N, C-alpha and C. Protein backbone atom coordinates (compact mmCIF):
# COMPACT_ATOMS: atom_id res chain seq x y z
N UNK A 1 -11.00 -25.28 1.88
CA UNK A 1 -11.29 -25.50 3.26
C UNK A 1 -10.30 -24.87 4.33
N UNK A 2 -10.80 -23.96 5.18
CA UNK A 2 -9.87 -23.11 5.88
C UNK A 2 -9.38 -24.03 7.04
N UNK A 3 -8.21 -23.62 7.68
CA UNK A 3 -7.60 -24.33 8.72
C UNK A 3 -7.15 -23.36 9.76
N UNK A 4 -6.70 -24.04 11.02
CA UNK A 4 -6.39 -23.18 12.04
C UNK A 4 -4.98 -22.68 12.08
N UNK A 5 -4.24 -22.94 11.06
CA UNK A 5 -2.80 -22.41 10.80
C UNK A 5 -2.81 -21.36 9.71
N UNK A 6 -3.89 -20.93 9.26
CA UNK A 6 -4.01 -19.78 8.31
C UNK A 6 -3.84 -20.24 6.83
N UNK A 7 -3.90 -21.54 6.65
CA UNK A 7 -3.84 -22.20 5.29
C UNK A 7 -5.23 -22.39 4.81
N UNK A 8 -5.37 -22.24 3.51
CA UNK A 8 -6.71 -22.57 2.95
C UNK A 8 -6.35 -23.57 1.58
N UNK A 9 -7.05 -24.64 1.51
CA UNK A 9 -6.82 -25.49 0.35
C UNK A 9 -8.07 -25.74 -0.37
N UNK A 10 -7.91 -26.01 -1.72
CA UNK A 10 -9.00 -26.24 -2.52
C UNK A 10 -8.75 -27.60 -3.29
N UNK A 11 -9.68 -28.46 -3.22
CA UNK A 11 -9.60 -29.82 -3.71
C UNK A 11 -10.60 -30.03 -4.67
N UNK A 12 -10.38 -30.99 -5.72
CA UNK A 12 -11.21 -31.65 -6.59
C UNK A 12 -11.98 -32.63 -5.80
N UNK A 13 -13.33 -32.41 -5.81
CA UNK A 13 -14.05 -33.38 -4.98
C UNK A 13 -14.11 -34.87 -5.42
N UNK A 14 -13.94 -35.00 -6.84
CA UNK A 14 -14.00 -36.39 -7.33
C UNK A 14 -12.68 -37.13 -7.10
N UNK A 15 -11.52 -36.50 -7.23
CA UNK A 15 -10.21 -37.14 -7.28
C UNK A 15 -9.60 -37.11 -5.97
N UNK A 16 -9.96 -35.97 -5.21
CA UNK A 16 -9.28 -35.69 -3.80
C UNK A 16 -8.04 -34.95 -3.95
N UNK A 17 -7.76 -34.53 -5.16
CA UNK A 17 -6.49 -33.84 -5.46
C UNK A 17 -6.58 -32.34 -5.02
N UNK A 18 -5.62 -31.86 -4.21
CA UNK A 18 -5.54 -30.43 -3.68
C UNK A 18 -4.84 -29.62 -4.85
N UNK A 19 -5.69 -28.92 -5.61
CA UNK A 19 -5.19 -28.14 -6.70
C UNK A 19 -4.67 -26.68 -6.34
N UNK A 20 -5.00 -26.21 -5.16
CA UNK A 20 -4.52 -24.87 -4.92
C UNK A 20 -4.51 -24.77 -3.40
N UNK A 21 -3.44 -24.03 -2.92
CA UNK A 21 -3.28 -23.73 -1.44
C UNK A 21 -2.87 -22.28 -1.21
N UNK A 22 -3.54 -21.65 -0.32
CA UNK A 22 -3.19 -20.19 0.02
C UNK A 22 -2.91 -20.18 1.51
N UNK A 23 -1.87 -19.32 1.79
CA UNK A 23 -1.49 -19.06 3.10
C UNK A 23 -1.85 -17.62 3.51
N UNK A 24 -2.69 -17.41 4.38
CA UNK A 24 -3.13 -16.19 4.77
C UNK A 24 -2.08 -15.51 5.75
N UNK A 25 -1.67 -14.20 5.67
CA UNK A 25 -0.80 -13.65 6.59
C UNK A 25 -1.46 -13.10 7.72
N UNK A 26 -0.84 -13.12 8.85
CA UNK A 26 -1.41 -12.68 10.09
C UNK A 26 -1.24 -10.97 10.07
N UNK A 27 -2.32 -10.43 10.58
CA UNK A 27 -2.19 -8.94 10.64
C UNK A 27 -1.15 -8.52 11.61
N UNK A 28 -0.35 -7.43 11.11
CA UNK A 28 0.63 -6.98 11.96
C UNK A 28 0.32 -6.64 13.26
N UNK A 29 1.09 -7.13 14.32
CA UNK A 29 0.60 -6.99 15.75
C UNK A 29 -0.20 -8.13 16.39
N UNK A 30 -0.56 -8.95 15.51
CA UNK A 30 -1.17 -10.20 16.11
C UNK A 30 -0.16 -11.35 16.35
N UNK A 31 -0.60 -12.19 17.20
CA UNK A 31 0.20 -13.29 17.49
C UNK A 31 0.03 -14.41 16.45
N UNK A 32 1.10 -15.25 16.28
CA UNK A 32 1.07 -16.26 15.29
C UNK A 32 -0.05 -17.26 15.52
N UNK A 33 -0.50 -17.41 16.73
CA UNK A 33 -1.57 -18.28 17.06
C UNK A 33 -2.82 -17.72 16.68
N UNK A 34 -2.80 -16.57 16.18
CA UNK A 34 -4.13 -15.95 15.56
C UNK A 34 -4.15 -16.04 14.13
N UNK A 35 -3.53 -17.11 13.54
CA UNK A 35 -3.51 -17.32 12.15
C UNK A 35 -4.61 -18.00 11.53
N UNK A 36 -5.53 -18.59 12.41
CA UNK A 36 -6.62 -19.38 11.88
C UNK A 36 -7.53 -18.71 11.08
N UNK A 37 -8.26 -19.42 10.20
CA UNK A 37 -9.43 -19.02 9.40
C UNK A 37 -10.64 -19.65 9.97
N UNK A 38 -11.48 -18.89 10.44
CA UNK A 38 -12.74 -19.42 11.12
C UNK A 38 -13.83 -19.86 9.99
N UNK A 39 -14.02 -19.01 8.98
CA UNK A 39 -15.09 -19.27 7.96
C UNK A 39 -14.62 -18.64 6.77
N UNK A 40 -15.20 -19.29 5.64
CA UNK A 40 -15.08 -18.79 4.26
C UNK A 40 -16.25 -19.07 3.46
N UNK A 41 -16.58 -18.02 2.70
CA UNK A 41 -17.83 -17.98 1.93
C UNK A 41 -17.59 -17.24 0.62
N UNK A 42 -18.18 -17.75 -0.51
CA UNK A 42 -18.02 -16.98 -1.65
C UNK A 42 -19.25 -15.93 -1.65
N UNK A 43 -19.10 -14.80 -2.41
CA UNK A 43 -20.10 -13.76 -2.40
C UNK A 43 -21.09 -14.25 -3.43
N UNK A 44 -22.16 -13.47 -3.65
CA UNK A 44 -23.21 -13.88 -4.53
C UNK A 44 -22.76 -14.11 -5.93
N UNK A 45 -21.78 -13.34 -6.43
CA UNK A 45 -21.35 -13.45 -7.75
C UNK A 45 -20.50 -14.67 -7.91
N UNK A 46 -19.94 -15.17 -6.92
CA UNK A 46 -19.13 -16.38 -6.95
C UNK A 46 -17.70 -16.12 -7.47
N UNK A 47 -17.35 -14.81 -7.50
CA UNK A 47 -16.05 -14.25 -7.92
C UNK A 47 -15.09 -14.04 -6.92
N UNK A 48 -15.48 -13.61 -5.68
CA UNK A 48 -14.70 -13.41 -4.67
C UNK A 48 -14.88 -14.36 -3.41
N UNK A 49 -13.87 -14.71 -2.76
CA UNK A 49 -14.01 -15.42 -1.49
C UNK A 49 -13.74 -14.58 -0.29
N UNK A 50 -14.65 -14.68 0.66
CA UNK A 50 -14.54 -13.80 1.92
C UNK A 50 -14.18 -14.69 3.02
N UNK A 51 -13.22 -14.33 3.80
CA UNK A 51 -12.70 -15.13 5.02
C UNK A 51 -12.94 -14.21 6.24
N UNK A 52 -13.29 -14.92 7.29
CA UNK A 52 -13.17 -14.35 8.61
C UNK A 52 -12.09 -15.06 9.50
N UNK A 53 -11.12 -14.28 10.04
CA UNK A 53 -9.90 -14.98 10.53
C UNK A 53 -9.77 -14.64 11.96
N UNK A 54 -8.94 -15.35 12.68
CA UNK A 54 -8.67 -15.33 14.06
C UNK A 54 -8.03 -14.01 14.48
N UNK A 55 -7.40 -13.39 13.63
CA UNK A 55 -6.73 -12.12 13.99
C UNK A 55 -7.74 -10.96 13.87
N UNK A 56 -9.00 -11.27 13.80
CA UNK A 56 -10.04 -10.24 13.80
C UNK A 56 -10.12 -9.46 12.49
N UNK A 57 -9.71 -10.11 11.46
CA UNK A 57 -9.89 -9.49 10.10
C UNK A 57 -10.79 -10.19 9.12
N UNK A 58 -11.40 -9.44 8.26
CA UNK A 58 -12.15 -10.09 7.24
C UNK A 58 -11.39 -9.75 5.94
N UNK A 59 -10.94 -10.86 5.15
CA UNK A 59 -10.29 -10.65 3.91
C UNK A 59 -11.10 -11.14 2.77
N UNK A 60 -10.95 -10.27 1.68
CA UNK A 60 -11.71 -10.61 0.36
C UNK A 60 -10.62 -10.93 -0.61
N UNK A 61 -10.74 -12.25 -1.10
CA UNK A 61 -9.80 -12.76 -2.04
C UNK A 61 -10.57 -12.73 -3.47
N UNK A 62 -9.67 -12.45 -4.55
CA UNK A 62 -10.28 -12.49 -5.89
C UNK A 62 -9.42 -13.38 -6.66
N UNK A 63 -9.89 -13.80 -7.84
CA UNK A 63 -9.22 -14.57 -8.82
C UNK A 63 -8.02 -13.79 -9.43
N UNK A 64 -6.77 -14.60 -9.59
CA UNK A 64 -5.77 -14.04 -10.26
C UNK A 64 -5.96 -13.98 -11.72
N UNK A 65 -6.29 -12.91 -12.40
CA UNK A 65 -6.56 -12.77 -13.79
C UNK A 65 -5.38 -13.02 -14.63
N UNK A 66 -4.17 -12.94 -14.02
CA UNK A 66 -2.93 -13.19 -14.85
C UNK A 66 -2.36 -14.60 -14.76
N UNK A 67 -3.15 -15.38 -13.99
CA UNK A 67 -2.67 -16.82 -13.74
C UNK A 67 -2.72 -17.65 -14.98
N UNK A 68 -1.82 -18.52 -15.30
CA UNK A 68 -1.72 -19.31 -16.54
C UNK A 68 -1.21 -20.66 -16.12
N UNK A 69 -1.52 -21.75 -16.86
CA UNK A 69 -0.82 -23.01 -16.39
C UNK A 69 0.67 -22.90 -16.21
N UNK A 70 1.30 -22.04 -16.96
CA UNK A 70 2.78 -21.92 -16.71
C UNK A 70 3.19 -21.19 -15.37
N UNK A 71 2.40 -20.17 -14.97
CA UNK A 71 2.82 -19.42 -13.81
C UNK A 71 2.16 -20.17 -12.49
N UNK A 72 1.08 -20.94 -12.66
CA UNK A 72 0.63 -21.69 -11.48
C UNK A 72 0.42 -23.10 -11.87
N UNK A 73 1.64 -23.86 -12.23
CA UNK A 73 1.42 -25.33 -12.59
C UNK A 73 0.95 -26.13 -11.62
N UNK A 74 0.28 -27.30 -12.02
CA UNK A 74 -0.18 -28.38 -11.19
C UNK A 74 0.74 -29.49 -11.39
N UNK A 75 1.17 -30.06 -10.16
CA UNK A 75 2.04 -31.18 -10.24
C UNK A 75 1.09 -32.30 -9.91
N UNK A 76 0.37 -32.75 -11.00
CA UNK A 76 -0.47 -33.78 -10.93
C UNK A 76 -0.56 -34.70 -12.10
N UNK A 77 -0.57 -35.97 -11.76
CA UNK A 77 -0.59 -37.01 -12.83
C UNK A 77 -1.82 -38.00 -12.43
N UNK A 78 -2.95 -37.89 -13.15
CA UNK A 78 -4.00 -38.63 -12.85
C UNK A 78 -3.63 -40.15 -12.91
N UNK A 79 -4.19 -40.82 -11.88
CA UNK A 79 -4.11 -42.31 -11.76
C UNK A 79 -5.20 -43.01 -12.59
N UNK A 80 -4.89 -44.24 -13.08
CA UNK A 80 -5.83 -45.00 -13.78
C UNK A 80 -6.76 -45.68 -12.84
N UNK A 81 -6.41 -45.82 -11.61
CA UNK A 81 -7.18 -46.46 -10.56
C UNK A 81 -7.81 -45.32 -9.72
N UNK A 82 -9.15 -45.48 -9.61
CA UNK A 82 -9.95 -44.51 -8.95
C UNK A 82 -10.16 -45.00 -7.54
N UNK A 83 -10.06 -44.28 -6.50
CA UNK A 83 -10.29 -44.63 -5.15
C UNK A 83 -11.78 -44.26 -4.86
N UNK A 84 -12.51 -45.08 -4.15
CA UNK A 84 -13.81 -44.84 -3.79
C UNK A 84 -13.75 -44.58 -2.23
N UNK A 85 -14.35 -43.46 -1.81
CA UNK A 85 -14.41 -43.27 -0.31
C UNK A 85 -15.84 -43.50 0.18
């Protein structure tokens, strides 16, 4: 889910746990107020995320092939009680 501060978060839809957060850098020469991400869409393959941002850039994000549970640990302990929304 993109935000107006340049952050992008990814949540598990069942538990509501945010398992990843990315902070997009503003293009050099842009104002900090132009850090927002207006839209995000996966490409047809589902392997790349494309974002349209307030600093007039389009960014293409790809999966980190070197990521492991050790390098990108999740600080998550599942609860025995499930919340229903």
